[in-house]
C-alpha atoms as a PDB file:
ATOM      1  CA  MET A   1       3.503   0.817  54.140  1.00  0.00           C
ATOM      2  CA  ARG A   2       0.658   0.444  51.618  1.00  0.00           C
ATOM      3  CA  ILE A   3       2.234   3.119  49.396  1.00  0.00           C
ATOM      4  CA  LEU A   4       5.582   1.265  49.561  1.00  0.00           C
ATOM      5  CA  VAL A   5       3.922  -1.989  48.473  1.00  0.00           C
ATOM      6  CA  ILE A   6       2.215  -0.253  45.543  1.00  0.00           C
ATOM      7  CA  TRP A   7       5.508   1.387  44.529  1.00  0.00           C
ATOM      8  CA  LEU A   8       7.417  -1.914  44.706  1.00  0.00           C
ATOM      9  CA  SER A   9       4.703  -3.678  42.707  1.00  0.00           C
ATOM     10  CA  ALA A  10       4.896  -1.030  40.009  1.00  0.00           C
ATOM     11  CA  LEU A  11       8.696  -1.268  39.948  1.00  0.00           C
ATOM     12  CA  ILE A  12       8.583  -5.046  39.606  1.00  0.00           C
ATOM     13  CA  GLY A  13       6.045  -4.673  36.813  1.00  0.00           C
ATOM     14  CA  LEU A  14       8.271  -2.214  34.962  1.00  0.00           C
ATOM     15  CA  CYS A  15      11.296  -4.498  35.346  1.00  0.00           C
ATOM     16  CA  ALA A  16       9.321  -7.475  34.056  1.00  0.00           C
ATOM     17  CA  HIS A  17       8.037  -5.356  31.163  1.00  0.00           C
ATOM     18  CA  GLY A  18      11.593  -4.355  30.258  1.00  0.00           C
ATOM     19  CA  ALA A  19      12.870  -7.904  30.531  1.00  0.00           C
ATOM     20  CA  LEU A  20      10.038  -9.079  28.296  1.00  0.00           C
ATOM     21  CA  ALA A  21      11.056  -6.552  25.649  1.00  0.00           C
ATOM     22  CA  GLN A  22      14.724  -7.542  25.912  1.00  0.00           C
ATOM     23  CA  ASP A  23      13.852 -11.223  25.440  1.00  0.00           C
ATOM     24  CA  TYR A  24      11.624 -10.477  22.432  1.00  0.00           C
ATOM     25  CA  PRO A  25      10.957 -12.513  20.441  1.00  0.00           C
ATOM     26  CA  SER A  26      11.049 -15.636  22.590  1.00  0.00           C
ATOM     27  CA  ARG A  27       8.560 -17.548  20.423  1.00  0.00           C
ATOM     28  CA  PRO A  28       7.352 -17.440  16.808  1.00  0.00           C
ATOM     29  CA  VAL A  29       5.832 -14.160  15.623  1.00  0.00           C
ATOM     30  CA  LYS A  30       2.750 -14.188  13.418  1.00  0.00           C
ATOM     31  CA  MET A  31       2.756 -11.771  10.469  1.00  0.00           C
ATOM     32  CA  ILE A  32      -0.733 -11.248   9.064  1.00  0.00           C
ATOM     33  CA  ILE A  33      -1.068 -10.333   5.381  1.00  0.00           C
ATOM     34  CA  PRO A  34      -4.652  -9.239   4.584  1.00  0.00           C
ATOM     35  CA  PHE A  35      -4.386 -10.338   0.944  1.00  0.00           C
ATOM     36  CA  PRO A  36      -4.202 -13.696  -0.849  1.00  0.00           C
ATOM     37  CA  ALA A  37      -0.871 -15.435  -1.410  1.00  0.00           C
ATOM     38  CA  GLY A  38       1.032 -14.619  -4.571  1.00  0.00           C
ATOM     39  CA  ALA A  39       0.584 -10.868  -4.949  1.00  0.00           C
ATOM     40  CA  GLY A  40       3.180  -8.135  -4.341  1.00  0.00           C
ATOM     41  CA  THR A  41       2.110  -7.717  -0.719  1.00  0.00           C
ATOM     42  CA  ASP A  42       2.617 -11.413  -0.093  1.00  0.00           C
ATOM     43  CA  LEU A  43       5.988 -11.426  -1.865  1.00  0.00           C
ATOM     44  CA  THR A  44       7.416  -8.461   0.059  1.00  0.00           C
ATOM     45  CA  GLY A  45       5.911  -9.673   3.333  1.00  0.00           C
ATOM     46  CA  ARG A  46       7.608 -13.051   3.049  1.00  0.00           C
ATOM     47  CA  MET A  47      10.904 -11.394   2.171  1.00  0.00           C
ATOM     48  CA  VAL A  48      10.712  -9.179   5.264  1.00  0.00           C
ATOM     49  CA  ALA A  49       9.542 -12.046   7.492  1.00  0.00           C
ATOM     50  CA  ASP A  50      12.544 -14.094   6.395  1.00  0.00           C
ATOM     51  CA  GLU A  51      14.966 -11.236   7.138  1.00  0.00           C
ATOM     52  CA  LEU A  52      13.399 -10.459  10.518  1.00  0.00           C
ATOM     53  CA  GLY A  53      13.646 -14.131  11.450  1.00  0.00           C
ATOM     54  CA  LYS A  54      17.344 -14.252  10.567  1.00  0.00           C
ATOM     55  CA  ARG A  55      18.196 -11.092  12.482  1.00  0.00           C
ATOM     56  CA  LEU A  56      16.020 -11.706  15.554  1.00  0.00           C
ATOM     57  CA  HIS A  57      16.724 -15.479  15.681  1.00  0.00           C
ATOM     58  CA  GLN A  58      13.091 -16.483  15.726  1.00  0.00           C
ATOM     59  CA  GLN A  59      10.446 -17.601  13.271  1.00  0.00           C
ATOM     60  CA  PHE A  60       8.245 -14.938  11.676  1.00  0.00           C
ATOM     61  CA  VAL A  61       5.342 -16.944  10.303  1.00  0.00           C
ATOM     62  CA  VAL A  62       3.284 -15.443   7.477  1.00  0.00           C
ATOM     63  CA  GLU A  63      -0.463 -15.999   7.614  1.00  0.00           C
ATOM     64  CA  ASN A  64      -2.649 -14.769   4.755  1.00  0.00           C
ATOM     65  CA  LYS A  65      -6.004 -13.507   5.986  1.00  0.00           C
ATOM     66  CA  PRO A  66      -7.715 -11.947   2.948  1.00  0.00           C
ATOM     67  CA  GLY A  67     -11.215 -10.561   2.795  1.00  0.00           C
ATOM     68  CA  ALA A  68     -13.243  -7.360   2.434  1.00  0.00           C
ATOM     69  CA  ALA A  69     -10.497  -5.488   0.539  1.00  0.00           C
ATOM     70  CA  ALA A  70      -7.916  -6.011   3.339  1.00  0.00           C
ATOM     71  CA  GLN A  71     -10.373  -5.088   6.096  1.00  0.00           C
ATOM     72  CA  LEU A  72     -10.572  -8.557   7.665  1.00  0.00           C
ATOM     73  CA  GLY A  73      -6.866  -9.092   8.322  1.00  0.00           C
ATOM     74  CA  THR A  74      -6.230  -5.460   9.238  1.00  0.00           C
ATOM     75  CA  ASP A  75      -8.995  -5.459  11.843  1.00  0.00           C
ATOM     76  CA  PHE A  76      -7.734  -8.790  13.210  1.00  0.00           C
ATOM     77  CA  VAL A  77      -4.349  -7.243  13.993  1.00  0.00           C
ATOM     78  CA  ALA A  78      -5.844  -4.025  15.355  1.00  0.00           C
ATOM     79  CA  LYS A  79      -7.774  -6.083  17.918  1.00  0.00           C
ATOM     80  CA  SER A  80      -4.975  -8.580  18.679  1.00  0.00           C
ATOM     81  CA  ASP A  81      -3.020  -8.799  21.926  1.00  0.00           C
ATOM     82  CA  PRO A  82      -0.425  -5.974  21.690  1.00  0.00           C
ATOM     83  CA  ASP A  83       2.387  -8.268  22.826  1.00  0.00           C
ATOM     84  CA  GLY A  84       4.406  -7.942  19.610  1.00  0.00           C
ATOM     85  CA  TYR A  85       3.614 -11.478  18.478  1.00  0.00           C
ATOM     86  CA  THR A  86       0.923 -10.494  15.977  1.00  0.00           C
ATOM     87  CA  LEU A  87       2.013  -8.022  13.306  1.00  0.00           C
ATOM     88  CA  LEU A  88       0.469  -6.667  10.119  1.00  0.00           C
ATOM     89  CA  TRP A  89       2.189  -6.538   6.746  1.00  0.00           C
ATOM     90  CA  THR A  90       0.076  -4.571   4.330  1.00  0.00           C
ATOM     91  CA  VAL A  91      -0.182  -1.917   1.649  1.00  0.00           C
ATOM     92  CA  SER A  92      -1.660   1.535   1.846  1.00  0.00           C
ATOM     93  CA  ASP A  93      -4.972   0.349   0.349  1.00  0.00           C
ATOM     94  CA  GLY A  94      -6.288  -0.850   3.717  1.00  0.00           C
ATOM     95  CA  LEU A  95      -4.775   2.045   5.672  1.00  0.00           C
ATOM     96  CA  SER A  96      -5.262   5.185   3.607  1.00  0.00           C
ATOM     97  CA  VAL A  97      -7.672   4.297   0.789  1.00  0.00           C
ATOM     98  CA  LEU A  98     -10.354   2.069   2.339  1.00  0.00           C
ATOM     99  CA  PRO A  99     -10.909   4.362   5.374  1.00  0.00           C
ATOM    100  CA  ALA A 100     -11.475   7.243   2.933  1.00  0.00           C
ATOM    101  CA  VAL A 101     -14.530   5.601   1.382  1.00  0.00           C
ATOM    102  CA  LYS A 102     -15.913   3.304   4.057  1.00  0.00           C
ATOM    103  CA  SER A 103     -16.759   3.168   7.746  1.00  0.00           C
ATOM    104  CA  LEU A 104     -14.434   0.591   9.329  1.00  0.00           C
ATOM    105  CA  PRO A 105     -14.204  -1.232  12.684  1.00  0.00           C
ATOM    106  CA  TYR A 106     -10.635   0.063  13.122  1.00  0.00           C
ATOM    107  CA  LYS A 107      -9.221   3.578  13.082  1.00  0.00           C
ATOM    108  CA  VAL A 108      -6.176   4.867  11.218  1.00  0.00           C
ATOM    109  CA  PRO A 109      -3.726   5.855  12.587  1.00  0.00           C
ATOM    110  CA  GLU A 110      -5.015   5.466  16.164  1.00  0.00           C
ATOM    111  CA  ASP A 111      -5.248   1.664  16.285  1.00  0.00           C
ATOM    112  CA  PHE A 112      -1.707   0.927  15.085  1.00  0.00           C
ATOM    113  CA  ALA A 113       1.945   1.308  16.004  1.00  0.00           C
ATOM    114  CA  PHE A 114       3.803   2.094  12.781  1.00  0.00           C
ATOM    115  CA  ILE A 115       7.043   0.143  12.459  1.00  0.00           C
ATOM    116  CA  GLY A 116       8.115   0.999   8.933  1.00  0.00           C
ATOM    117  CA  SER A 117       7.646   0.876   5.193  1.00  0.00           C
ATOM    118  CA  ILE A 118      10.259  -0.577   2.864  1.00  0.00           C
ATOM    119  CA  ALA A 119       9.088   0.257  -0.637  1.00  0.00           C
ATOM    120  CA  GLN A 120       6.555   1.917  -2.868  1.00  0.00           C
ATOM    121  CA  GLN A 121       5.196   1.102  -6.277  1.00  0.00           C
ATOM    122  CA  PRO A 122       3.458   3.464  -8.685  1.00  0.00           C
ATOM    123  CA  TYR A 123       0.870   2.566 -11.270  1.00  0.00           C
ATOM    124  CA  THR A 124       1.078   3.186 -14.986  1.00  0.00           C
ATOM    125  CA  PHE A 125      -1.873   5.102 -16.412  1.00  0.00           C
ATOM    126  CA  SER A 126      -2.369   3.017 -19.540  1.00  0.00           C
ATOM    127  CA  VAL A 127      -4.653   2.804 -22.571  1.00  0.00           C
ATOM    128  CA  SER A 128      -5.797  -0.015 -24.781  1.00  0.00           C
ATOM    129  CA  THR A 129      -3.979  -0.222 -28.112  1.00  0.00           C
ATOM    130  CA  ARG A 130      -7.428  -0.239 -29.697  1.00  0.00           C
ATOM    131  CA  ARG A 131      -7.341   3.492 -29.013  1.00  0.00           C
ATOM    132  CA  ASP A 132      -5.001   5.728 -31.009  1.00  0.00           C
ATOM    133  CA  PHE A 133      -3.796   7.914 -28.128  1.00  0.00           C
ATOM    134  CA  LYS A 134      -0.014   8.153 -28.041  1.00  0.00           C
ATOM    135  CA  THR A 135       0.208  10.731 -25.248  1.00  0.00           C
ATOM    136  CA  PHE A 136      -1.757  11.809 -22.207  1.00  0.00           C
ATOM    137  CA  THR A 137      -2.411  15.171 -23.885  1.00  0.00           C
ATOM    138  CA  GLU A 138      -4.085  13.427 -26.820  1.00  0.00           C
ATOM    139  CA  LEU A 139      -6.331  11.436 -24.491  1.00  0.00           C
ATOM    140  CA  VAL A 140      -7.356  14.558 -22.547  1.00  0.00           C
ATOM    141  CA  ALA A 141      -8.134  16.470 -25.753  1.00  0.00           C
ATOM    142  CA  TYR A 142     -10.338  13.625 -26.990  1.00  0.00           C
ATOM    143  CA  ALA A 143     -12.088  13.215 -23.636  1.00  0.00           C
ATOM    144  CA  LYS A 144     -12.885  16.925 -23.451  1.00  0.00           C
ATOM    145  CA  SER A 145     -14.409  16.926 -26.927  1.00  0.00           C
ATOM    146  CA  HIS A 146     -16.266  13.646 -26.285  1.00  0.00           C
ATOM    147  CA  PRO A 147     -17.398  13.780 -22.601  1.00  0.00           C
ATOM    148  CA  GLY A 148     -18.204  10.367 -21.135  1.00  0.00           C
ATOM    149  CA  SER A 149     -17.192   8.448 -24.260  1.00  0.00           C
ATOM    150  CA  LEU A 150     -14.139   6.853 -22.601  1.00  0.00           C
ATOM    151  CA  ASN A 151     -14.337   4.299 -19.805  1.00  0.00           C
ATOM    152  CA  TYR A 152     -11.825   3.011 -17.279  1.00  0.00           C
ATOM    153  CA  GLY A 153     -11.440  -0.183 -15.329  1.00  0.00           C
ATOM    154  CA  SER A 154     -10.605  -0.477 -11.636  1.00  0.00           C
ATOM    155  CA  ALA A 155     -10.102  -3.128  -8.979  1.00  0.00           C
ATOM    156  CA  GLY A 156     -13.576  -2.382  -7.599  1.00  0.00           C
ATOM    157  CA  PRO A 157     -15.649   0.473  -6.168  1.00  0.00           C
ATOM    158  CA  GLY A 158     -13.598   2.535  -3.709  1.00  0.00           C
ATOM    159  CA  SER A 159     -10.358   0.736  -4.569  1.00  0.00           C
ATOM    160  CA  ALA A 160      -7.039   2.548  -4.968  1.00  0.00           C
ATOM    161  CA  PRO A 161      -7.221   2.333  -8.799  1.00  0.00           C
ATOM    162  CA  HIS A 162     -10.780   3.718  -8.715  1.00  0.00           C
ATOM    163  CA  LEU A 163      -9.786   6.736  -6.624  1.00  0.00           C
ATOM    164  CA  THR A 164      -6.529   7.224  -8.527  1.00  0.00           C
ATOM    165  CA  ILE A 165      -8.203   7.503 -11.934  1.00  0.00           C
ATOM    166  CA  ALA A 166     -11.007   9.613 -10.437  1.00  0.00           C
ATOM    167  CA  MET A 167      -8.301  11.976  -9.129  1.00  0.00           C
ATOM    168  CA  ILE A 168      -6.527  12.072 -12.503  1.00  0.00           C
ATOM    169  CA  ALA A 169      -9.764  12.731 -14.390  1.00  0.00           C
ATOM    170  CA  ALA A 170     -10.753  15.528 -12.018  1.00  0.00           C
ATOM    171  CA  GLU A 171      -7.312  17.146 -12.234  1.00  0.00           C
ATOM    172  CA  ALA A 172      -7.358  16.905 -16.033  1.00  0.00           C
ATOM    173  CA  GLY A 173     -10.924  18.199 -16.233  1.00  0.00           C
ATOM    174  CA  ILE A 174     -12.337  15.193 -18.085  1.00  0.00           C
ATOM    175  CA  GLN A 175     -15.190  12.737 -17.599  1.00  0.00           C
ATOM    176  CA  MET A 176     -14.859   8.970 -17.990  1.00  0.00           C
ATOM    177  CA  VAL A 177     -17.190   6.111 -17.111  1.00  0.00           C
ATOM    178  CA  HIS A 178     -16.091   3.836 -14.260  1.00  0.00           C
ATOM    179  CA  VAL A 179     -16.198   0.076 -14.893  1.00  0.00           C
ATOM    180  CA  PRO A 180     -15.388  -1.831 -11.663  1.00  0.00           C
ATOM    181  CA  PHE A 181     -13.908  -5.334 -11.616  1.00  0.00           C
ATOM    182  CA  ALA A 182     -13.219  -7.805  -8.808  1.00  0.00           C
ATOM    183  CA  GLY A 183      -9.514  -7.003  -8.549  1.00  0.00           C
ATOM    184  CA  LEU A 184      -6.694  -5.414 -10.541  1.00  0.00           C
ATOM    185  CA  ALA A 185      -5.930  -8.575 -12.555  1.00  0.00           C
ATOM    186  CA  PRO A 186      -9.345  -8.784 -14.270  1.00  0.00           C
ATOM    187  CA  SER A 187      -9.257  -5.026 -14.823  1.00  0.00           C
ATOM    188  CA  THR A 188      -5.895  -5.383 -16.581  1.00  0.00           C
ATOM    189  CA  ASN A 189      -7.234  -8.281 -18.652  1.00  0.00           C
ATOM    190  CA  ALA A 190     -10.132  -6.090 -19.765  1.00  0.00           C
ATOM    191  CA  LEU A 191      -7.692  -3.344 -20.751  1.00  0.00           C
ATOM    192  CA  VAL A 192      -5.644  -5.783 -22.825  1.00  0.00           C
ATOM    193  CA  ALA A 193      -8.808  -7.108 -24.470  1.00  0.00           C
ATOM    194  CA  GLY A 194      -9.979  -3.579 -25.234  1.00  0.00           C
ATOM    195  CA  THR A 195     -13.127  -3.976 -23.147  1.00  0.00           C
ATOM    196  CA  VAL A 196     -12.106  -0.815 -21.295  1.00  0.00           C
ATOM    197  CA  ASP A 197     -10.166   2.129 -22.700  1.00  0.00           C
ATOM    198  CA  VAL A 198      -8.110   3.105 -19.668  1.00  0.00           C
ATOM    199  CA  GLY A 199      -6.670   1.308 -16.655  1.00  0.00           C
ATOM    200  CA  LEU A 200      -3.869   1.186 -14.130  1.00  0.00           C
ATOM    201  CA  VAL A 201      -1.159  -1.464 -14.399  1.00  0.00           C
ATOM    202  CA  ILE A 202       1.825  -2.265 -12.163  1.00  0.00           C
ATOM    203  CA  PRO A 203       5.061  -1.142 -13.945  1.00  0.00           C
ATOM    204  CA  VAL A 204       6.673  -4.607 -14.233  1.00  0.00           C
ATOM    205  CA  GLN A 205       3.549  -6.053 -15.809  1.00  0.00           C
ATOM    206  CA  ALA A 206       3.067  -2.918 -17.921  1.00  0.00           C
ATOM    207  CA  LYS A 207       6.563  -3.322 -19.353  1.00  0.00           C
ATOM    208  CA  GLN A 208       5.721  -6.836 -20.518  1.00  0.00           C
ATOM    209  CA  LEU A 209       2.369  -5.781 -21.984  1.00  0.00           C
ATOM    210  CA  ILE A 210       3.897  -2.786 -23.748  1.00  0.00           C
ATOM    211  CA  ALA A 211       6.532  -5.033 -25.307  1.00  0.00           C
ATOM    212  CA  ALA A 212       3.760  -7.367 -26.466  1.00  0.00           C
ATOM    213  CA  GLY A 213       1.874  -4.444 -28.013  1.00  0.00           C
ATOM    214  CA  SER A 214      -1.100  -5.026 -25.694  1.00  0.00           C
ATOM    215  CA  ILE A 215      -1.251  -1.634 -23.946  1.00  0.00           C
ATOM    216  CA  ARG A 216       0.298   1.814 -24.164  1.00  0.00           C
ATOM    217  CA  ALA A 217       1.534   3.598 -20.997  1.00  0.00           C
ATOM    218  CA  LEU A 218       0.877   7.353 -20.986  1.00  0.00           C
ATOM    219  CA  ALA A 219       2.105   8.246 -17.474  1.00  0.00           C
ATOM    220  CA  THR A 220       3.273   6.815 -14.175  1.00  0.00           C
ATOM    221  CA  THR A 221       1.736   7.885 -10.883  1.00  0.00           C
ATOM    222  CA  GLY A 222       4.809   8.202  -8.625  1.00  0.00           C
ATOM    223  CA  GLU A 223       6.819  11.219  -7.508  1.00  0.00           C
ATOM    224  CA  THR A 224       9.612  10.339  -9.949  1.00  0.00           C
ATOM    225  CA  ARG A 225       9.868   8.237 -13.086  1.00  0.00           C
ATOM    226  CA  SER A 226       9.813   4.480 -12.591  1.00  0.00           C
ATOM    227  CA  ARG A 227      13.103   2.622 -12.949  1.00  0.00           C
ATOM    228  CA  VAL A 228      11.169  -0.029 -14.808  1.00  0.00           C
ATOM    229  CA  LEU A 229       9.717   2.452 -17.337  1.00  0.00           C
ATOM    230  CA  PRO A 230      12.185   5.364 -17.436  1.00  0.00           C
ATOM    231  CA  ASP A 231      10.810   6.699 -20.736  1.00  0.00           C
ATOM    232  CA  VAL A 232       7.273   7.126 -19.398  1.00  0.00           C
ATOM    233  CA  PRO A 233       6.594  10.572 -17.858  1.00  0.00           C
ATOM    234  CA  THR A 234       5.078  11.099 -14.424  1.00  0.00           C
ATOM    235  CA  LEU A 235       1.633  12.602 -13.938  1.00  0.00           C
ATOM    236  CA  ARG A 236       3.206  15.902 -12.946  1.00  0.00           C
ATOM    237  CA  GLU A 237       5.221  15.929 -16.150  1.00  0.00           C
ATOM    238  CA  VAL A 238       2.003  15.676 -18.178  1.00  0.00           C
ATOM    239  CA  GLY A 239       0.293  18.415 -16.188  1.00  0.00           C
ATOM    240  CA  VAL A 240      -1.591  16.509 -13.480  1.00  0.00           C
ATOM    241  CA  ASN A 241      -0.998  17.666  -9.901  1.00  0.00           C
ATOM    242  CA  GLY A 242      -1.227  14.345  -8.106  1.00  0.00           C
ATOM    243  CA  THR A 243       0.533  11.113  -7.195  1.00  0.00           C
ATOM    244  CA  ALA A 244      -0.549   7.637  -6.175  1.00  0.00           C
ATOM    245  CA  VAL A 245       1.665   4.830  -4.911  1.00  0.00           C
ATOM    246  CA  ILE A 246       1.254   1.465  -3.261  1.00  0.00           C
ATOM    247  CA  CYS A 247       3.188   1.631   0.021  1.00  0.00           C
ATOM    248  CA  TYR A 248       4.323  -1.637   1.673  1.00  0.00           C
ATOM    249  CA  GLY A 249       4.824  -1.619   5.434  1.00  0.00           C
ATOM    250  CA  LEU A 250       4.817  -3.298   8.849  1.00  0.00           C
ATOM    251  CA  LEU A 251       2.574  -2.415  11.802  1.00  0.00           C
ATOM    252  CA  ALA A 252       1.661  -3.662  15.268  1.00  0.00           C
ATOM    253  CA  PRO A 253      -1.409  -3.075  17.447  1.00  0.00           C
ATOM    254  CA  ALA A 254      -1.457   0.440  18.913  1.00  0.00           C
ATOM    255  CA  LYS A 255      -0.587  -0.486  22.516  1.00  0.00           C
ATOM    256  CA  ALA A 256       2.381  -2.689  21.692  1.00  0.00           C
ATOM    257  CA  ASN A 257       5.342  -2.384  24.060  1.00  0.00           C
ATOM    258  CA  ALA A 258       7.398   0.667  23.057  1.00  0.00           C
ATOM    259  CA  GLN A 259      10.701  -1.201  23.430  1.00  0.00           C
ATOM    260  CA  ILE A 260       9.493  -4.026  21.207  1.00  0.00           C
ATOM    261  CA  VAL A 261       8.309  -1.532  18.593  1.00  0.00           C
ATOM    262  CA  ALA A 262      11.677   0.244  18.798  1.00  0.00           C
ATOM    263  CA  ARG A 263      13.516  -3.050  18.307  1.00  0.00           C
ATOM    264  CA  LEU A 264      11.402  -3.937  15.293  1.00  0.00           C
ATOM    265  CA  ARG A 265      11.965  -0.469  13.819  1.00  0.00           C
ATOM    266  CA  LYS A 266      15.719  -0.751  14.244  1.00  0.00           C
ATOM    267  CA  THR A 267      15.783  -4.234  12.730  1.00  0.00           C
ATOM    268  CA  LEU A 268      13.720  -3.114   9.756  1.00  0.00           C
ATOM    269  CA  ALA A 269      16.063  -0.147   9.256  1.00  0.00           C
ATOM    270  CA  ASP A 270      19.020  -2.555   9.356  1.00  0.00           C
ATOM    271  CA  ILE A 271      17.355  -4.707   6.703  1.00  0.00           C
ATOM    272  CA  MET A 272      16.926  -1.656   4.492  1.00  0.00           C
ATOM    273  CA  SER A 273      20.607  -0.809   4.814  1.00  0.00           C
ATOM    274  CA  ASP A 274      21.457  -4.190   3.283  1.00  0.00           C
ATOM    275  CA  GLN A 275      22.350  -3.460  -0.347  1.00  0.00           C
ATOM    276  CA  ALA A 276      21.659  -7.001  -1.511  1.00  0.00           C
ATOM    277  CA  PHE A 277      18.122  -6.803  -0.096  1.00  0.00           C
ATOM    278  CA  THR A 278      17.353  -3.414  -1.652  1.00  0.00           C
ATOM    279  CA  GLU A 279      18.805  -4.422  -5.010  1.00  0.00           C
ATOM    280  CA  HIS A 280      16.575  -7.488  -4.966  1.00  0.00           C
ATOM    281  CA  LEU A 281      13.572  -5.205  -4.391  1.00  0.00           C
ATOM    282  CA  TYR A 282      14.629  -3.032  -7.320  1.00  0.00           C
ATOM    283  CA  SER A 283      15.021  -6.097  -9.536  1.00  0.00           C
ATOM    284  CA  LEU A 284      11.409  -7.038  -8.784  1.00  0.00           C
ATOM    285  CA  GLY A 285      10.179  -3.611  -9.849  1.00  0.00           C
ATOM    286  CA  PHE A 286       9.715  -1.976  -6.452  1.00  0.00           C
ATOM    287  CA  GLU A 287      10.862   1.557  -5.678  1.00  0.00           C
ATOM    288  CA  VAL A 288      12.925   1.430  -2.471  1.00  0.00           C
ATOM    289  CA  ARG A 289      11.672   4.240  -0.215  1.00  0.00           C
ATOM    290  CA  PRO A 290      12.256   3.306   3.460  1.00  0.00           C
ATOM    291  CA  LEU A 291      10.079   5.124   5.992  1.00  0.00           C
ATOM    292  CA  ILE A 292      10.690   4.154   9.621  1.00  0.00           C
ATOM    293  CA  GLY A 293       8.400   4.879  12.574  1.00  0.00           C
ATOM    294  CA  ASP A 294       6.782   8.317  12.573  1.00  0.00           C
ATOM    295  CA  ASP A 295       7.848   8.949   8.973  1.00  0.00           C
ATOM    296  CA  TYR A 296       5.733   5.975   7.905  1.00  0.00           C
ATOM    297  CA  ARG A 297       2.828   7.093  10.100  1.00  0.00           C
ATOM    298  CA  ASP A 298       2.973  10.625   8.688  1.00  0.00           C
ATOM    299  CA  PHE A 299       2.954   9.295   5.123  1.00  0.00           C
ATOM    300  CA  ILE A 300      -0.187   7.222   5.771  1.00  0.00           C
ATOM    301  CA  VAL A 301      -1.961  10.096   7.542  1.00  0.00           C
ATOM    302  CA  LYS A 302      -1.204  12.479   4.674  1.00  0.00           C
ATOM    303  CA  ASP A 303      -2.227   9.850   2.106  1.00  0.00           C
ATOM    304  CA  LEU A 304      -5.516   9.268   3.941  1.00  0.00           C
ATOM    305  CA  GLU A 305      -6.270  13.004   3.926  1.00  0.00           C
ATOM    306  CA  LYS A 306      -5.645  13.111   0.173  1.00  0.00           C
ATOM    307  CA  TRP A 307      -7.954  10.202  -0.604  1.00  0.00           C
ATOM    308  CA  ARG A 308     -10.684  11.544   1.669  1.00  0.00           C
ATOM    309  CA  ALA A 309     -10.614  14.765  -0.343  1.00  0.00           C
ATOM    310  CA  VAL A 310     -10.763  12.814  -3.634  1.00  0.00           C
ATOM    311  CA  ALA A 311     -13.645  10.650  -2.361  1.00  0.00           C
ATOM    312  CA  LYS A 312     -15.569  13.689  -1.156  1.00  0.00           C
ATOM    313  CA  ALA A 313     -15.060  15.588  -4.416  1.00  0.00           C
ATOM    314  CA  GLY A 314     -16.174  12.573  -6.469  1.00  0.00           C
ATOM    315  CA  ASN A 315     -18.931  11.516  -4.060  1.00  0.00           C
ATOM    316  CA  ILE A 316     -17.305   8.080  -3.798  1.00  0.00           C
ATOM    317  CA  GLN A 317     -18.525   5.956  -0.907  1.00  0.00           C
ATOM    318  CA  VAL A 318     -18.714   2.212  -0.300  1.00  0.00           C
ATOM    319  CA  GLU A 319     -21.490   1.107   2.033  1.00  0.00           C
ATOM    320  CA  LYS A 320     -20.624  -2.575   2.470  1.00  0.00           C
END
């Protein structure tokens, strides 16, 4: 009799669990963005939240929770109730770059259920127009004959731009001095002003700065040439064996209901099959590269392994 009661209780629990997933979402869903409002992560997150709300007939409310280079908001979601009503919209910085250089209160990939990524964005490896380099080869030749005479700006110690340029320098066999800034915007401003020689710039912004004669782009860091800058070669085309992209995606806490995760994955895939949505992403300078479920997880895991190797080789660690 006791066994029958336990079995019936478990069955009722499973039925309730399934019904809960079928009814999802029955109330507003909170989407945490671990960066300030206004940046590319915020823009794409709000676009996806709007589309999810339309398709799932419920509000998806964006809440910006910046701090500690995306650590604050990311950890908040990792430790949230895994009921599907608190999600994370983020970029690879907090998932595959930060864990490579810093001990964190959350684990990647263990603490997350990966729903999907919608787009990627490369950087442009750019130089100040105060320098005469017209090609990447010219810069490398100069750097090899003048070790340590060039410097580069980044978004801060252990940031994606820091590790990306460290990787490029190591692959090219050159030495440059790192000059960290409090974010990519001030780093770009320093590049335009000629305070630093080298920096990474988002393609859309790079296009504007190139047209203004403020910077010169020598390479892009993606797998293929950027649609925004089709005349600029990739790193591989200039002889560097490496890539670096910003990857935008949606996650839930690790123990989220599998049916809810599956529904979110399907809905995100449906959004990415909408030509109007993808064309809008392209028009904003994003590279549309959908990765759903395990494909997204595998990308982040592989990316994390790469940056751990770069950090180890360059002895790059962030203590705080």
